[in-house]
Every structure is written in C-alpha cells, then in structure tokens.
ModelCIF file with pLDDT and N, C-alpha, C, O atoms, coordinates in Angstrom:
data_MODEL
#
_entry.id   MODEL 
#
_entity.id                         1 
_entity.type                       polymer 
_entity.pdbx_number_of_molecules   1 
#
_entity_poly.entity_id                      1 
_entity_poly.type                           'polypeptide(L)' 
_entity_poly.nstd_linkage                   no 
_entity_poly.nstd_monomer                   no 
_entity_poly.pdbx_seq_one_letter_code       VTKSYQGNGISKLLIEKCLAKAKEIGVKKVSLYSNHQLQT 
_entity_poly.pdbx_seq_one_letter_code_can   VTKSYQGNGISKLLIEKCLAKAKEIGVKKVSLYSNHQLQT 
_entity_poly.pdbx_strand_id                 A 
#
loop_
_entity_poly_seq.entity_id 
_entity_poly_seq.num 
_entity_poly_seq.mon_id 
_entity_poly_seq.hetero 
1 1  VAL n 
1 2  THR n 
1 3  LYS n 
1 4  SER n 
1 5  TYR n 
1 6  GLN n 
1 7  GLY n 
1 8  ASN n 
1 9  GLY n 
1 10 ILE n 
1 11 SER n 
1 12 LYS n 
1 13 LEU n 
1 14 LEU n 
1 15 ILE n 
1 16 GLU n 
1 17 LYS n 
1 18 CYS n 
1 19 LEU n 
1 20 ALA n 
1 21 LYS n 
1 22 ALA n 
1 23 LYS n 
1 24 GLU n 
1 25 ILE n 
1 26 GLY n 
1 27 VAL n 
1 28 LYS n 
1 29 LYS n 
1 30 VAL n 
1 31 SER n 
1 32 LEU n 
1 33 TYR n 
1 34 SER n 
1 35 ASN n 
1 36 HIS n 
1 37 GLN n 
1 38 LEU n 
1 39 GLN n 
1 40 THR n 
#
_struct_asym.id          A 
_struct_asym.entity_id   1 
#
loop_
_ma_qa_metric.id 
_ma_qa_metric.mode 
_ma_qa_metric.name 
_ma_qa_metric.software_group_id 
_ma_qa_metric.type 
1 global pLDDT . pLDDT 
2 local  pLDDT . pLDDT 
#
_ma_qa_metric_global.metric_id      1 
_ma_qa_metric_global.metric_value   96.70 
_ma_qa_metric_global.model_id       1 
_ma_qa_metric_global.ordinal_id     1 
#
loop_
_ma_qa_metric_local.label_asym_id 
_ma_qa_metric_local.label_comp_id 
_ma_qa_metric_local.label_seq_id 
_ma_qa_metric_local.metric_id 
_ma_qa_metric_local.metric_value 
_ma_qa_metric_local.model_id 
_ma_qa_metric_local.ordinal_id 
A VAL 1  2 97.00 1 1  
A THR 2  2 96.00 1 2  
A LYS 3  2 95.00 1 3  
A SER 4  2 95.00 1 4  
A TYR 5  2 97.00 1 5  
A GLN 6  2 95.00 1 6  
A GLY 7  2 95.00 1 7  
A ASN 8  2 96.00 1 8  
A GLY 9  2 96.00 1 9  
A ILE 10 2 97.00 1 10 
A SER 11 2 97.00 1 11 
A LYS 12 2 97.00 1 12 
A LEU 13 2 98.00 1 13 
A LEU 14 2 98.00 1 14 
A ILE 15 2 98.00 1 15 
A GLU 16 2 98.00 1 16 
A LYS 17 2 98.00 1 17 
A CYS 18 2 98.00 1 18 
A LEU 19 2 98.00 1 19 
A ALA 20 2 98.00 1 20 
A LYS 21 2 98.00 1 21 
A ALA 22 2 98.00 1 22 
A LYS 23 2 98.00 1 23 
A GLU 24 2 97.00 1 24 
A ILE 25 2 97.00 1 25 
A GLY 26 2 97.00 1 26 
A VAL 27 2 98.00 1 27 
A LYS 28 2 98.00 1 28 
A LYS 29 2 98.00 1 29 
A VAL 30 2 98.00 1 30 
A SER 31 2 97.00 1 31 
A LEU 32 2 97.00 1 32 
A TYR 33 2 96.00 1 33 
A SER 34 2 95.00 1 34 
A ASN 35 2 95.00 1 35 
A HIS 36 2 95.00 1 36 
A GLN 37 2 95.00 1 37 
A LEU 38 2 95.00 1 38 
A GLN 39 2 95.00 1 39 
A THR 40 2 94.00 1 40 
#
loop_
_atom_site.group_PDB 
_atom_site.id 
_atom_site.type_symbol 
_atom_site.label_atom_id 
_atom_site.label_alt_id 
_atom_site.label_comp_id 
_atom_site.label_asym_id 
_atom_site.label_entity_id 
_atom_site.label_seq_id 
_atom_site.pdbx_PDB_ins_code 
_atom_site.Cartn_x 
_atom_site.Cartn_y 
_atom_site.Cartn_z 
_atom_site.occupancy 
_atom_site.B_iso_or_equiv 
_atom_site.pdbx_formal_charge 
_atom_site.auth_seq_id 
_atom_site.auth_comp_id 
_atom_site.auth_asym_id 
_atom_site.auth_atom_id 
_atom_site.pdbx_PDB_model_num 
ATOM 1   N N  . VAL A 1 1  ? 0.881   -1.179  0.000  1.00 97.00 ? 1  VAL A N  1 
ATOM 2   C CA . VAL A 1 1  ? 0.000   0.000   0.000  1.00 97.00 ? 1  VAL A CA 1 
ATOM 3   C C  . VAL A 1 1  ? 0.910   1.217   0.000  1.00 97.00 ? 1  VAL A C  1 
ATOM 4   O O  . VAL A 1 1  ? 1.866   1.294   0.772  1.00 97.00 ? 1  VAL A O  1 
ATOM 5   N N  . THR A 1 2  ? 0.603   2.163   -0.871 1.00 96.00 ? 2  THR A N  1 
ATOM 6   C CA . THR A 1 2  ? 1.434   3.372   -0.948 1.00 96.00 ? 2  THR A CA 1 
ATOM 7   C C  . THR A 1 2  ? 1.472   4.084   0.408  1.00 96.00 ? 2  THR A C  1 
ATOM 8   O O  . THR A 1 2  ? 0.482   4.113   1.139  1.00 96.00 ? 2  THR A O  1 
ATOM 9   N N  . LYS A 1 3  ? 2.617   4.647   0.720  1.00 95.00 ? 3  LYS A N  1 
ATOM 10  C CA . LYS A 1 3  ? 2.894   5.177   2.058  1.00 95.00 ? 3  LYS A CA 1 
ATOM 11  C C  . LYS A 1 3  ? 1.800   6.111   2.587  1.00 95.00 ? 3  LYS A C  1 
ATOM 12  O O  . LYS A 1 3  ? 1.400   6.001   3.746  1.00 95.00 ? 3  LYS A O  1 
ATOM 13  N N  . SER A 1 4  ? 1.321   7.021   1.748  1.00 95.00 ? 4  SER A N  1 
ATOM 14  C CA . SER A 1 4  ? 0.343   8.013   2.223  1.00 95.00 ? 4  SER A CA 1 
ATOM 15  C C  . SER A 1 4  ? -1.017  7.403   2.577  1.00 95.00 ? 4  SER A C  1 
ATOM 16  O O  . SER A 1 4  ? -1.851  8.080   3.179  1.00 95.00 ? 4  SER A O  1 
ATOM 17  N N  . TYR A 1 5  ? -1.254  6.139   2.215  1.00 97.00 ? 5  TYR A N  1 
ATOM 18  C CA . TYR A 1 5  ? -2.529  5.487   2.534  1.00 97.00 ? 5  TYR A CA 1 
ATOM 19  C C  . TYR A 1 5  ? -2.376  4.361   3.547  1.00 97.00 ? 5  TYR A C  1 
ATOM 20  O O  . TYR A 1 5  ? -3.354  3.688   3.871  1.00 97.00 ? 5  TYR A O  1 
ATOM 21  N N  . GLN A 1 6  ? -1.161  4.145   4.056  1.00 95.00 ? 6  GLN A N  1 
ATOM 22  C CA . GLN A 1 6  ? -0.955  3.095   5.056  1.00 95.00 ? 6  GLN A CA 1 
ATOM 23  C C  . GLN A 1 6  ? -1.659  3.477   6.354  1.00 95.00 ? 6  GLN A C  1 
ATOM 24  O O  . GLN A 1 6  ? -1.819  4.658   6.664  1.00 95.00 ? 6  GLN A O  1 
ATOM 25  N N  . GLY A 1 7  ? -2.074  2.466   7.104  1.00 95.00 ? 7  GLY A N  1 
ATOM 26  C CA . GLY A 1 7  ? -2.738  2.703   8.378  1.00 95.00 ? 7  GLY A CA 1 
ATOM 27  C C  . GLY A 1 7  ? -4.237  2.880   8.269  1.00 95.00 ? 7  GLY A C  1 
ATOM 28  O O  . GLY A 1 7  ? -4.888  3.265   9.241  1.00 95.00 ? 7  GLY A O  1 
ATOM 29  N N  . ASN A 1 8  ? -4.799  2.602   7.092  1.00 96.00 ? 8  ASN A N  1 
ATOM 30  C CA . ASN A 1 8  ? -6.244  2.738   6.873  1.00 96.00 ? 8  ASN A CA 1 
ATOM 31  C C  . ASN A 1 8  ? -6.953  1.395   6.703  1.00 96.00 ? 8  ASN A C  1 
ATOM 32  O O  . ASN A 1 8  ? -8.115  1.351   6.299  1.00 96.00 ? 8  ASN A O  1 
ATOM 33  N N  . GLY A 1 9  ? -6.257  0.302   7.010  1.00 96.00 ? 9  GLY A N  1 
ATOM 34  C CA . GLY A 1 9  ? -6.876  -1.024  6.902  1.00 96.00 ? 9  GLY A CA 1 
ATOM 35  C C  . GLY A 1 9  ? -6.902  -1.592  5.496  1.00 96.00 ? 9  GLY A C  1 
ATOM 36  O O  . GLY A 1 9  ? -7.565  -2.599  5.248  1.00 96.00 ? 9  GLY A O  1 
ATOM 37  N N  . ILE A 1 10 ? -6.193  -0.964  4.576  1.00 97.00 ? 10 ILE A N  1 
ATOM 38  C CA . ILE A 1 10 ? -6.208  -1.417  3.179  1.00 97.00 ? 10 ILE A CA 1 
ATOM 39  C C  . ILE A 1 10 ? -5.524  -2.771  3.036  1.00 97.00 ? 10 ILE A C  1 
ATOM 40  O O  . ILE A 1 10 ? -6.015  -3.633  2.306  1.00 97.00 ? 10 ILE A O  1 
ATOM 41  N N  . SER A 1 11 ? -4.404  -2.973  3.716  1.00 97.00 ? 11 SER A N  1 
ATOM 42  C CA . SER A 1 11 ? -3.715  -4.269  3.654  1.00 97.00 ? 11 SER A CA 1 
ATOM 43  C C  . SER A 1 11 ? -4.604  -5.389  4.169  1.00 97.00 ? 11 SER A C  1 
ATOM 44  O O  . SER A 1 11 ? -4.591  -6.497  3.633  1.00 97.00 ? 11 SER A O  1 
ATOM 45  N N  . LYS A 1 12 ? -5.378  -5.100  5.212  1.00 97.00 ? 12 LYS A N  1 
ATOM 46  C CA . LYS A 1 12 ? -6.303  -6.112  5.749  1.00 97.00 ? 12 LYS A CA 1 
ATOM 47  C C  . LYS A 1 12 ? -7.327  -6.509  4.694  1.00 97.00 ? 12 LYS A C  1 
ATOM 48  O O  . LYS A 1 12 ? -7.604  -7.694  4.505  1.00 97.00 ? 12 LYS A O  1 
ATOM 49  N N  . LEU A 1 13 ? -7.884  -5.524  4.012  1.00 98.00 ? 13 LEU A N  1 
ATOM 50  C CA . LEU A 1 13 ? -8.870  -5.821  2.967  1.00 98.00 ? 13 LEU A CA 1 
ATOM 51  C C  . LEU A 1 13 ? -8.244  -6.631  1.833  1.00 98.00 ? 13 LEU A C  1 
ATOM 52  O O  . LEU A 1 13 ? -8.872  -7.544  1.296  1.00 98.00 ? 13 LEU A O  1 
ATOM 53  N N  . LEU A 1 14 ? -7.009  -6.294  1.471  1.00 98.00 ? 14 LEU A N  1 
ATOM 54  C CA . LEU A 1 14 ? -6.326  -7.024  0.400  1.00 98.00 ? 14 LEU A CA 1 
ATOM 55  C C  . LEU A 1 14 ? -6.048  -8.465  0.804  1.00 98.00 ? 14 LEU A C  1 
ATOM 56  O O  . LEU A 1 14 ? -6.303  -9.381  0.022  1.00 98.00 ? 14 LEU A O  1 
ATOM 57  N N  . ILE A 1 15 ? -5.530  -8.682  2.008  1.00 98.00 ? 15 ILE A N  1 
ATOM 58  C CA . ILE A 1 15 ? -5.214  -10.053 2.432  1.00 98.00 ? 15 ILE A CA 1 
ATOM 59  C C  . ILE A 1 15 ? -6.507  -10.859 2.592  1.00 98.00 ? 15 ILE A C  1 
ATOM 60  O O  . ILE A 1 15 ? -6.538  -12.046 2.265  1.00 98.00 ? 15 ILE A O  1 
ATOM 61  N N  . GLU A 1 16 ? -7.568  -10.229 3.089  1.00 98.00 ? 16 GLU A N  1 
ATOM 62  C CA . GLU A 1 16 ? -8.853  -10.927 3.224  1.00 98.00 ? 16 GLU A CA 1 
ATOM 63  C C  . GLU A 1 16 ? -9.395  -11.334 1.860  1.00 98.00 ? 16 GLU A C  1 
ATOM 64  O O  . GLU A 1 16 ? -9.951  -12.423 1.718  1.00 98.00 ? 16 GLU A O  1 
ATOM 65  N N  . LYS A 1 17 ? -9.241  -10.475 0.855  1.00 98.00 ? 17 LYS A N  1 
ATOM 66  C CA . LYS A 1 17 ? -9.686  -10.809 -0.507 1.00 98.00 ? 17 LYS A CA 1 
ATOM 67  C C  . LYS A 1 17 ? -8.894  -11.999 -1.029 1.00 98.00 ? 17 LYS A C  1 
ATOM 68  O O  . LYS A 1 17 ? -9.467  -12.923 -1.606 1.00 98.00 ? 17 LYS A O  1 
ATOM 69  N N  . CYS A 1 18 ? -7.577  -11.983 -0.830 1.00 98.00 ? 18 CYS A N  1 
ATOM 70  C CA . CYS A 1 18 ? -6.735  -13.094 -1.288 1.00 98.00 ? 18 CYS A CA 1 
ATOM 71  C C  . CYS A 1 18 ? -7.113  -14.408 -0.598 1.00 98.00 ? 18 CYS A C  1 
ATOM 72  O O  . CYS A 1 18 ? -7.236  -15.443 -1.252 1.00 98.00 ? 18 CYS A O  1 
ATOM 73  N N  . LEU A 1 19 ? -7.295  -14.359 0.708  1.00 98.00 ? 19 LEU A N  1 
ATOM 74  C CA . LEU A 1 19 ? -7.617  -15.584 1.439  1.00 98.00 ? 19 LEU A CA 1 
ATOM 75  C C  . LEU A 1 19 ? -9.020  -16.093 1.111  1.00 98.00 ? 19 LEU A C  1 
ATOM 76  O O  . LEU A 1 19 ? -9.243  -17.302 1.051  1.00 98.00 ? 19 LEU A O  1 
ATOM 77  N N  . ALA A 1 20 ? -9.956  -15.183 0.901  1.00 98.00 ? 20 ALA A N  1 
ATOM 78  C CA . ALA A 1 20 ? -11.315 -15.599 0.515  1.00 98.00 ? 20 ALA A CA 1 
ATOM 79  C C  . ALA A 1 20 ? -11.281 -16.296 -0.843 1.00 98.00 ? 20 ALA A C  1 
ATOM 80  O O  . ALA A 1 20 ? -11.947 -17.314 -1.033 1.00 98.00 ? 20 ALA A O  1 
ATOM 81  N N  . LYS A 1 21 ? -10.520 -15.763 -1.777 1.00 98.00 ? 21 LYS A N  1 
ATOM 82  C CA . LYS A 1 21 ? -10.413 -16.378 -3.106 1.00 98.00 ? 21 LYS A CA 1 
ATOM 83  C C  . LYS A 1 21 ? -9.731  -17.735 -2.996 1.00 98.00 ? 21 LYS A C  1 
ATOM 84  O O  . LYS A 1 21 ? -10.154 -18.698 -3.635 1.00 98.00 ? 21 LYS A O  1 
ATOM 85  N N  . ALA A 1 22 ? -8.678  -17.814 -2.188 1.00 98.00 ? 22 ALA A N  1 
ATOM 86  C CA . ALA A 1 22 ? -7.974  -19.081 -2.017 1.00 98.00 ? 22 ALA A CA 1 
ATOM 87  C C  . ALA A 1 22 ? -8.930  -20.155 -1.494 1.00 98.00 ? 22 ALA A C  1 
ATOM 88  O O  . ALA A 1 22 ? -8.940  -21.283 -1.987 1.00 98.00 ? 22 ALA A O  1 
ATOM 89  N N  . LYS A 1 23 ? -9.734  -19.790 -0.491 1.00 98.00 ? 23 LYS A N  1 
ATOM 90  C CA . LYS A 1 23 ? -10.700 -20.752 0.056  1.00 98.00 ? 23 LYS A CA 1 
ATOM 91  C C  . LYS A 1 23 ? -11.744 -21.125 -0.990 1.00 98.00 ? 23 LYS A C  1 
ATOM 92  O O  . LYS A 1 23 ? -12.118 -22.290 -1.121 1.00 98.00 ? 23 LYS A O  1 
ATOM 93  N N  . GLU A 1 24 ? -12.210 -20.125 -1.730 1.00 97.00 ? 24 GLU A N  1 
ATOM 94  C CA . GLU A 1 24 ? -13.245 -20.338 -2.757 1.00 97.00 ? 24 GLU A CA 1 
ATOM 95  C C  . GLU A 1 24 ? -12.803 -21.352 -3.810 1.00 97.00 ? 24 GLU A C  1 
ATOM 96  O O  . GLU A 1 24 ? -13.612 -22.154 -4.277 1.00 97.00 ? 24 GLU A O  1 
ATOM 97  N N  . ILE A 1 25 ? -11.528 -21.320 -4.184 1.00 97.00 ? 25 ILE A N  1 
ATOM 98  C CA . ILE A 1 25 ? -11.052 -22.221 -5.244 1.00 97.00 ? 25 ILE A CA 1 
ATOM 99  C C  . ILE A 1 25 ? -10.391 -23.483 -4.687 1.00 97.00 ? 25 ILE A C  1 
ATOM 100 O O  . ILE A 1 25 ? -9.804  -24.260 -5.440 1.00 97.00 ? 25 ILE A O  1 
ATOM 101 N N  . GLY A 1 26 ? -10.483 -23.686 -3.384 1.00 97.00 ? 26 GLY A N  1 
ATOM 102 C CA . GLY A 1 26 ? -10.018 -24.937 -2.790 1.00 97.00 ? 26 GLY A CA 1 
ATOM 103 C C  . GLY A 1 26 ? -8.529  -25.028 -2.528 1.00 97.00 ? 26 GLY A C  1 
ATOM 104 O O  . GLY A 1 26 ? -7.976  -26.127 -2.479 1.00 97.00 ? 26 GLY A O  1 
ATOM 105 N N  . VAL A 1 27 ? -7.873  -23.897 -2.360 1.00 98.00 ? 27 VAL A N  1 
ATOM 106 C CA . VAL A 1 27 ? -6.443  -23.907 -2.051 1.00 98.00 ? 27 VAL A CA 1 
ATOM 107 C C  . VAL A 1 27 ? -6.241  -24.510 -0.657 1.00 98.00 ? 27 VAL A C  1 
ATOM 108 O O  . VAL A 1 27 ? -6.988  -24.210 0.275  1.00 98.00 ? 27 VAL A O  1 
ATOM 109 N N  . LYS A 1 28 ? -5.233  -25.352 -0.534 1.00 98.00 ? 28 LYS A N  1 
ATOM 110 C CA . LYS A 1 28 ? -4.930  -26.009 0.742  1.00 98.00 ? 28 LYS A CA 1 
ATOM 111 C C  . LYS A 1 28 ? -3.876  -25.245 1.546  1.00 98.00 ? 28 LYS A C  1 
ATOM 112 O O  . LYS A 1 28 ? -3.895  -25.247 2.777  1.00 98.00 ? 28 LYS A O  1 
ATOM 113 N N  . LYS A 1 29 ? -2.936  -24.579 0.814  1.00 98.00 ? 29 LYS A N  1 
ATOM 114 C CA . LYS A 1 29 ? -1.850  -23.895 1.506  1.00 98.00 ? 29 LYS A CA 1 
ATOM 115 C C  . LYS A 1 29 ? -1.488  -22.611 0.770  1.00 98.00 ? 29 LYS A C  1 
ATOM 116 O O  . LYS A 1 29 ? -1.326  -22.597 -0.450 1.00 98.00 ? 29 LYS A O  1 
ATOM 117 N N  . VAL A 1 30 ? -1.363  -21.529 1.545  1.00 98.00 ? 30 VAL A N  1 
ATOM 118 C CA . VAL A 1 30 ? -0.880  -20.258 1.015  1.00 98.00 ? 30 VAL A CA 1 
ATOM 119 C C  . VAL A 1 30 ? 0.450   -19.976 1.705  1.00 98.00 ? 30 VAL A C  1 
ATOM 120 O O  . VAL A 1 30 ? 0.538   -20.012 2.933  1.00 98.00 ? 30 VAL A O  1 
ATOM 121 N N  . SER A 1 31 ? 1.474   -19.697 0.922  1.00 97.00 ? 31 SER A N  1 
ATOM 122 C CA . SER A 1 31 ? 2.786   -19.391 1.479  1.00 97.00 ? 31 SER A CA 1 
ATOM 123 C C  . SER A 1 31 ? 3.175   -17.970 1.086  1.00 97.00 ? 31 SER A C  1 
ATOM 124 O O  . SER A 1 31 ? 2.529   -17.349 0.242  1.00 97.00 ? 31 SER A O  1 
ATOM 125 N N  . LEU A 1 32 ? 4.221   -17.472 1.697  1.00 97.00 ? 32 LEU A N  1 
ATOM 126 C CA . LEU A 1 32 ? 4.746   -16.168 1.314  1.00 97.00 ? 32 LEU A CA 1 
ATOM 127 C C  . LEU A 1 32 ? 6.203   -16.099 1.723  1.00 97.00 ? 32 LEU A C  1 
ATOM 128 O O  . LEU A 1 32 ? 6.656   -16.799 2.628  1.00 97.00 ? 32 LEU A O  1 
ATOM 129 N N  . TYR A 1 33 ? 6.916   -15.238 1.032  1.00 96.00 ? 33 TYR A N  1 
ATOM 130 C CA . TYR A 1 33 ? 8.297   -14.922 1.377  1.00 96.00 ? 33 TYR A CA 1 
ATOM 131 C C  . TYR A 1 33 ? 8.317   -13.480 1.828  1.00 96.00 ? 33 TYR A C  1 
ATOM 132 O O  . TYR A 1 33 ? 7.590   -12.643 1.293  1.00 96.00 ? 33 TYR A O  1 
ATOM 133 N N  . SER A 1 34 ? 9.157   -13.188 2.823  1.00 95.00 ? 34 SER A N  1 
ATOM 134 C CA . SER A 1 34 ? 9.247   -11.826 3.313  1.00 95.00 ? 34 SER A CA 1 
ATOM 135 C C  . SER A 1 34 ? 10.671  -11.558 3.784  1.00 95.00 ? 34 SER A C  1 
ATOM 136 O O  . SER A 1 34 ? 11.575  -12.373 3.602  1.00 95.00 ? 34 SER A O  1 
ATOM 137 N N  . ASN A 1 35 ? 10.838  -10.404 4.387  1.00 95.00 ? 35 ASN A N  1 
ATOM 138 C CA . ASN A 1 35 ? 12.137  -9.986  4.903  1.00 95.00 ? 35 ASN A CA 1 
ATOM 139 C C  . ASN A 1 35 ? 11.920  -9.452  6.313  1.00 95.00 ? 35 ASN A C  1 
ATOM 140 O O  . ASN A 1 35 ? 10.902  -8.817  6.591  1.00 95.00 ? 35 ASN A O  1 
ATOM 141 N N  . HIS A 1 36 ? 12.867  -9.706  7.195  1.00 95.00 ? 36 HIS A N  1 
ATOM 142 C CA . HIS A 1 36 ? 12.730  -9.328  8.603  1.00 95.00 ? 36 HIS A CA 1 
ATOM 143 C C  . HIS A 1 36 ? 12.491  -7.831  8.810  1.00 95.00 ? 36 HIS A C  1 
ATOM 144 O O  . HIS A 1 36 ? 11.980  -7.438  9.858  1.00 95.00 ? 36 HIS A O  1 
ATOM 145 N N  . GLN A 1 37 ? 12.847  -6.990  7.838  1.00 95.00 ? 37 GLN A N  1 
ATOM 146 C CA . GLN A 1 37 ? 12.631  -5.545  7.964  1.00 95.00 ? 37 GLN A CA 1 
ATOM 147 C C  . GLN A 1 37 ? 11.139  -5.176  7.926  1.00 95.00 ? 37 GLN A C  1 
ATOM 148 O O  . GLN A 1 37 ? 10.743  -4.119  8.418  1.00 95.00 ? 37 GLN A O  1 
ATOM 149 N N  . LEU A 1 38 ? 10.336  -6.037  7.350  1.00 95.00 ? 38 LEU A N  1 
ATOM 150 C CA . LEU A 1 38 ? 8.919   -5.726  7.110  1.00 95.00 ? 38 LEU A CA 1 
ATOM 151 C C  . LEU A 1 38 ? 8.056   -6.150  8.299  1.00 95.00 ? 38 LEU A C  1 
ATOM 152 O O  . LEU A 1 38 ? 7.149   -6.969  8.157  1.00 95.00 ? 38 LEU A O  1 
ATOM 153 N N  . GLN A 1 39 ? 8.348   -5.588  9.465  1.00 95.00 ? 39 GLN A N  1 
ATOM 154 C CA . GLN A 1 39 ? 7.703   -6.014  10.708 1.00 95.00 ? 39 GLN A CA 1 
ATOM 155 C C  . GLN A 1 39 ? 6.189   -5.792  10.711 1.00 95.00 ? 39 GLN A C  1 
ATOM 156 O O  . GLN A 1 39 ? 5.450   -6.624  11.238 1.00 95.00 ? 39 GLN A O  1 
ATOM 157 N N  . THR A 1 40 ? 5.723   -4.705  10.141 1.00 94.00 ? 40 THR A N  1 
ATOM 158 C CA . THR A 1 40 ? 4.275   -4.456  10.104 1.00 94.00 ? 40 THR A CA 1 
ATOM 159 C C  . THR A 1 40 ? 3.580   -5.528  9.283  1.00 94.00 ? 40 THR A C  1 
ATOM 160 O O  . THR A 1 40 ? 2.359   -5.496  9.132  1.00 94.00 ? 40 THR A O  1 
#
C-alpha cells in the first residue's frame, strides 16, 4: 500500500480478498516470502 494510505486497513482488505479467493477455489496452503525488515 502506498505510504500516504498506510494505516487505513487497506492491507487487511487485500489479504482478506486473497484468502477468501484461495478458500473459494479450494487452495490447501498459502505461502509467502518476506524480509525481517517488514515487521508491520
């Protein structure tokens, strides 16, 4: 989410959309790669 819009719950809506779609199509496992700097 672009910096000026962070803190408005946008990431939550995006992750919820992704997880809802994953469940809808029968996905068993969702993985991700990240970096320790990205604490939020």
